[in-house]
Amino acid sequence: MDSVIRKISIGSDYKNEAMHYSVGQSVYGGHHIHSIEFNSVDNSYNIFIKKQDEVMPWKKFNSNMAISVEYDLEY
């Protein structure tokens, strides 16, 4: 699955204290971030991880948080 969102950063201090999540990044015991998707129904950002052939939801952030989104310009 190709994702239009390439990276999401959570936190008001982007440079020093924000958490950064990028598609392809290794996380959580051998998993990789598969996609980052915006859900317009509840205005949330959802991170899905993949290990082998299994894709599963991992994290969800609501839009009330300080969020910075970086889009993939090669879609």
N, C-alpha and C. Protein backbone atom coordinates (compact mmCIF):
# COMPACT_ATOMS: atom_id res chain seq x y z
N MET A 1 0.85 -1.18 0.00
CA MET A 1 0.00 0.00 0.00
C MET A 1 0.89 1.23 0.00
N ASP A 2 0.63 2.17 -0.91
CA ASP A 2 1.35 3.43 -0.94
C ASP A 2 0.60 4.44 -0.10
N SER A 3 1.34 5.27 0.59
CA SER A 3 0.74 6.26 1.48
C SER A 3 1.09 7.65 1.00
N VAL A 4 0.13 8.56 1.00
CA VAL A 4 0.38 9.94 0.65
C VAL A 4 1.08 10.63 1.82
N ILE A 5 0.78 10.21 3.06
CA ILE A 5 1.46 10.76 4.23
C ILE A 5 2.73 9.95 4.45
N ARG A 6 3.87 10.63 4.46
CA ARG A 6 5.17 9.97 4.62
C ARG A 6 5.65 9.98 6.06
N LYS A 7 5.33 11.06 6.79
CA LYS A 7 5.83 11.22 8.15
C LYS A 7 4.84 12.03 8.97
N ILE A 8 4.72 11.67 10.25
CA ILE A 8 3.88 12.43 11.17
C ILE A 8 4.70 12.68 12.43
N SER A 9 4.60 13.89 12.95
CA SER A 9 5.30 14.25 14.19
C SER A 9 4.25 14.70 15.19
N ILE A 10 4.35 14.19 16.41
CA ILE A 10 3.38 14.46 17.46
C ILE A 10 4.08 15.22 18.58
N GLY A 11 3.59 16.42 18.87
CA GLY A 11 4.16 17.23 19.96
C GLY A 11 4.36 18.66 19.52
N SER A 12 4.25 19.57 20.45
CA SER A 12 4.32 20.99 20.11
C SER A 12 5.75 21.48 19.86
N ASP A 13 6.75 20.82 20.42
CA ASP A 13 8.15 21.21 20.21
C ASP A 13 8.76 20.26 19.19
N TYR A 14 8.58 20.58 17.91
CA TYR A 14 8.96 19.69 16.81
C TYR A 14 10.42 19.24 16.90
N LYS A 15 11.31 20.16 17.17
CA LYS A 15 12.74 19.86 17.13
C LYS A 15 13.24 19.07 18.33
N ASN A 16 12.73 19.36 19.52
CA ASN A 16 13.32 18.79 20.73
C ASN A 16 12.51 17.67 21.40
N GLU A 17 11.21 17.73 21.36
CA GLU A 17 10.43 16.78 22.16
C GLU A 17 9.36 16.00 21.40
N ALA A 18 9.14 16.29 20.14
CA ALA A 18 8.10 15.60 19.39
C ALA A 18 8.53 14.17 19.07
N MET A 19 7.54 13.28 18.94
CA MET A 19 7.77 11.92 18.49
C MET A 19 7.54 11.90 16.97
N HIS A 20 8.46 11.29 16.23
CA HIS A 20 8.40 11.27 14.78
C HIS A 20 8.19 9.84 14.30
N TYR A 21 7.24 9.66 13.39
CA TYR A 21 6.94 8.35 12.82
C TYR A 21 6.94 8.46 11.30
N SER A 22 7.74 7.62 10.63
CA SER A 22 7.85 7.65 9.17
C SER A 22 7.52 6.28 8.58
N VAL A 23 6.89 6.30 7.41
CA VAL A 23 6.61 5.05 6.71
C VAL A 23 7.93 4.35 6.43
N GLY A 24 7.99 3.06 6.74
CA GLY A 24 9.19 2.25 6.56
C GLY A 24 10.05 2.15 7.80
N GLN A 25 9.81 2.98 8.81
CA GLN A 25 10.59 2.98 10.05
C GLN A 25 10.38 1.68 10.82
N SER A 26 11.45 1.13 11.38
CA SER A 26 11.37 -0.07 12.22
C SER A 26 10.84 0.31 13.60
N VAL A 27 9.85 -0.44 14.07
CA VAL A 27 9.25 -0.18 15.37
C VAL A 27 8.81 -1.50 16.00
N TYR A 28 8.60 -1.50 17.28
CA TYR A 28 7.89 -2.54 18.01
C TYR A 28 8.26 -3.97 17.63
N GLY A 29 9.49 -4.36 17.92
CA GLY A 29 9.89 -5.76 17.79
C GLY A 29 9.81 -6.36 16.41
N GLY A 30 10.46 -5.77 15.44
CA GLY A 30 10.51 -6.35 14.10
C GLY A 30 9.43 -5.89 13.15
N HIS A 31 8.55 -5.02 13.59
CA HIS A 31 7.54 -4.46 12.71
C HIS A 31 8.09 -3.22 12.00
N HIS A 32 7.43 -2.84 10.92
CA HIS A 32 7.75 -1.61 10.20
C HIS A 32 6.47 -0.81 10.01
N ILE A 33 6.59 0.50 10.01
CA ILE A 33 5.41 1.32 9.75
C ILE A 33 5.01 1.13 8.29
N HIS A 34 3.82 0.63 8.09
CA HIS A 34 3.29 0.32 6.77
C HIS A 34 2.64 1.54 6.12
N SER A 35 1.81 2.24 6.89
CA SER A 35 1.13 3.42 6.35
C SER A 35 0.68 4.33 7.49
N ILE A 36 0.48 5.59 7.13
CA ILE A 36 -0.08 6.59 8.03
C ILE A 36 -1.27 7.17 7.31
N GLU A 37 -2.44 7.08 7.92
CA GLU A 37 -3.67 7.47 7.23
C GLU A 37 -4.48 8.44 8.08
N PHE A 38 -5.13 9.38 7.39
CA PHE A 38 -6.04 10.30 8.06
C PHE A 38 -7.45 9.76 7.95
N ASN A 39 -8.17 9.70 9.08
CA ASN A 39 -9.56 9.24 9.11
C ASN A 39 -10.44 10.48 9.26
N SER A 40 -11.15 10.83 8.21
CA SER A 40 -11.97 12.05 8.23
C SER A 40 -13.24 11.88 9.05
N VAL A 41 -13.62 10.66 9.39
CA VAL A 41 -14.83 10.42 10.18
C VAL A 41 -14.63 10.94 11.61
N ASP A 42 -13.49 10.61 12.22
CA ASP A 42 -13.24 11.07 13.59
C ASP A 42 -12.04 12.03 13.68
N ASN A 43 -11.58 12.52 12.54
CA ASN A 43 -10.45 13.47 12.48
C ASN A 43 -9.23 12.96 13.24
N SER A 44 -8.83 11.74 12.94
CA SER A 44 -7.66 11.16 13.61
C SER A 44 -6.64 10.71 12.58
N TYR A 45 -5.41 10.57 13.05
CA TYR A 45 -4.34 10.01 12.24
C TYR A 45 -4.04 8.63 12.80
N ASN A 46 -3.96 7.63 11.92
CA ASN A 46 -3.78 6.24 12.32
C ASN A 46 -2.51 5.69 11.70
N ILE A 47 -1.70 5.03 12.54
CA ILE A 47 -0.46 4.41 12.07
C ILE A 47 -0.66 2.91 12.06
N PHE A 48 -0.37 2.30 10.90
CA PHE A 48 -0.48 0.85 10.73
C PHE A 48 0.92 0.27 10.58
N ILE A 49 1.15 -0.86 11.26
CA ILE A 49 2.44 -1.53 11.18
C ILE A 49 2.29 -2.88 10.48
N LYS A 50 3.43 -3.38 9.98
CA LYS A 50 3.41 -4.64 9.24
C LYS A 50 4.59 -5.50 9.67
N LYS A 51 4.33 -6.79 9.83
CA LYS A 51 5.37 -7.79 10.06
C LYS A 51 5.01 -8.99 9.20
N GLN A 52 5.93 -9.37 8.34
CA GLN A 52 5.69 -10.40 7.34
C GLN A 52 4.51 -9.95 6.48
N ASP A 53 3.40 -10.70 6.46
CA ASP A 53 2.26 -10.32 5.62
C ASP A 53 1.10 -9.73 6.41
N GLU A 54 1.29 -9.50 7.70
CA GLU A 54 0.19 -9.02 8.54
C GLU A 54 0.30 -7.52 8.80
N VAL A 55 -0.77 -6.79 8.46
CA VAL A 55 -0.86 -5.35 8.72
C VAL A 55 -1.88 -5.15 9.83
N MET A 56 -1.50 -4.34 10.84
CA MET A 56 -2.41 -4.11 11.96
C MET A 56 -2.31 -2.67 12.44
N PRO A 57 -3.39 -2.16 13.04
CA PRO A 57 -3.34 -0.80 13.60
C PRO A 57 -2.40 -0.78 14.80
N TRP A 58 -1.66 0.32 14.95
CA TRP A 58 -0.70 0.42 16.05
C TRP A 58 -0.96 1.64 16.93
N LYS A 59 -1.08 2.82 16.33
CA LYS A 59 -1.29 4.03 17.11
C LYS A 59 -2.34 4.90 16.44
N LYS A 60 -3.03 5.67 17.26
CA LYS A 60 -4.06 6.58 16.78
C LYS A 60 -3.91 7.89 17.53
N PHE A 61 -3.90 9.00 16.80
CA PHE A 61 -3.77 10.32 17.40
C PHE A 61 -4.94 11.17 16.94
N ASN A 62 -5.60 11.84 17.88
CA ASN A 62 -6.71 12.70 17.47
C ASN A 62 -6.17 14.06 17.05
N SER A 63 -6.95 14.80 16.31
CA SER A 63 -6.50 16.06 15.73
C SER A 63 -6.43 17.19 16.75
N ASN A 64 -6.79 16.95 18.02
CA ASN A 64 -6.65 17.96 19.05
C ASN A 64 -5.21 18.08 19.55
N MET A 65 -4.37 17.13 19.16
CA MET A 65 -2.96 17.16 19.55
C MET A 65 -2.17 18.01 18.57
N ALA A 66 -0.99 18.44 18.98
CA ALA A 66 -0.09 19.17 18.08
C ALA A 66 0.50 18.15 17.10
N ILE A 67 0.11 18.25 15.83
CA ILE A 67 0.51 17.28 14.82
C ILE A 67 1.09 18.01 13.61
N SER A 68 2.22 17.51 13.14
CA SER A 68 2.81 18.01 11.90
C SER A 68 2.84 16.84 10.92
N VAL A 69 2.35 17.07 9.71
CA VAL A 69 2.28 16.01 8.70
C VAL A 69 3.20 16.35 7.54
N GLU A 70 3.97 15.37 7.10
CA GLU A 70 4.82 15.52 5.91
C GLU A 70 4.29 14.58 4.85
N TYR A 71 3.98 15.11 3.69
CA TYR A 71 3.42 14.31 2.61
C TYR A 71 4.51 13.79 1.68
N ASP A 72 4.25 12.64 1.08
CA ASP A 72 5.15 12.06 0.09
C ASP A 72 4.87 12.75 -1.23
N LEU A 73 5.86 13.40 -1.79
CA LEU A 73 5.65 14.15 -3.03
C LEU A 73 5.84 13.30 -4.27
N GLU A 74 6.12 12.00 -4.08
CA GLU A 74 6.30 11.09 -5.22
C GLU A 74 5.17 10.08 -5.27
N TYR A 75 3.94 10.51 -5.32
CA TYR A 75 2.81 9.58 -5.39
C TYR A 75 2.20 9.60 -6.77
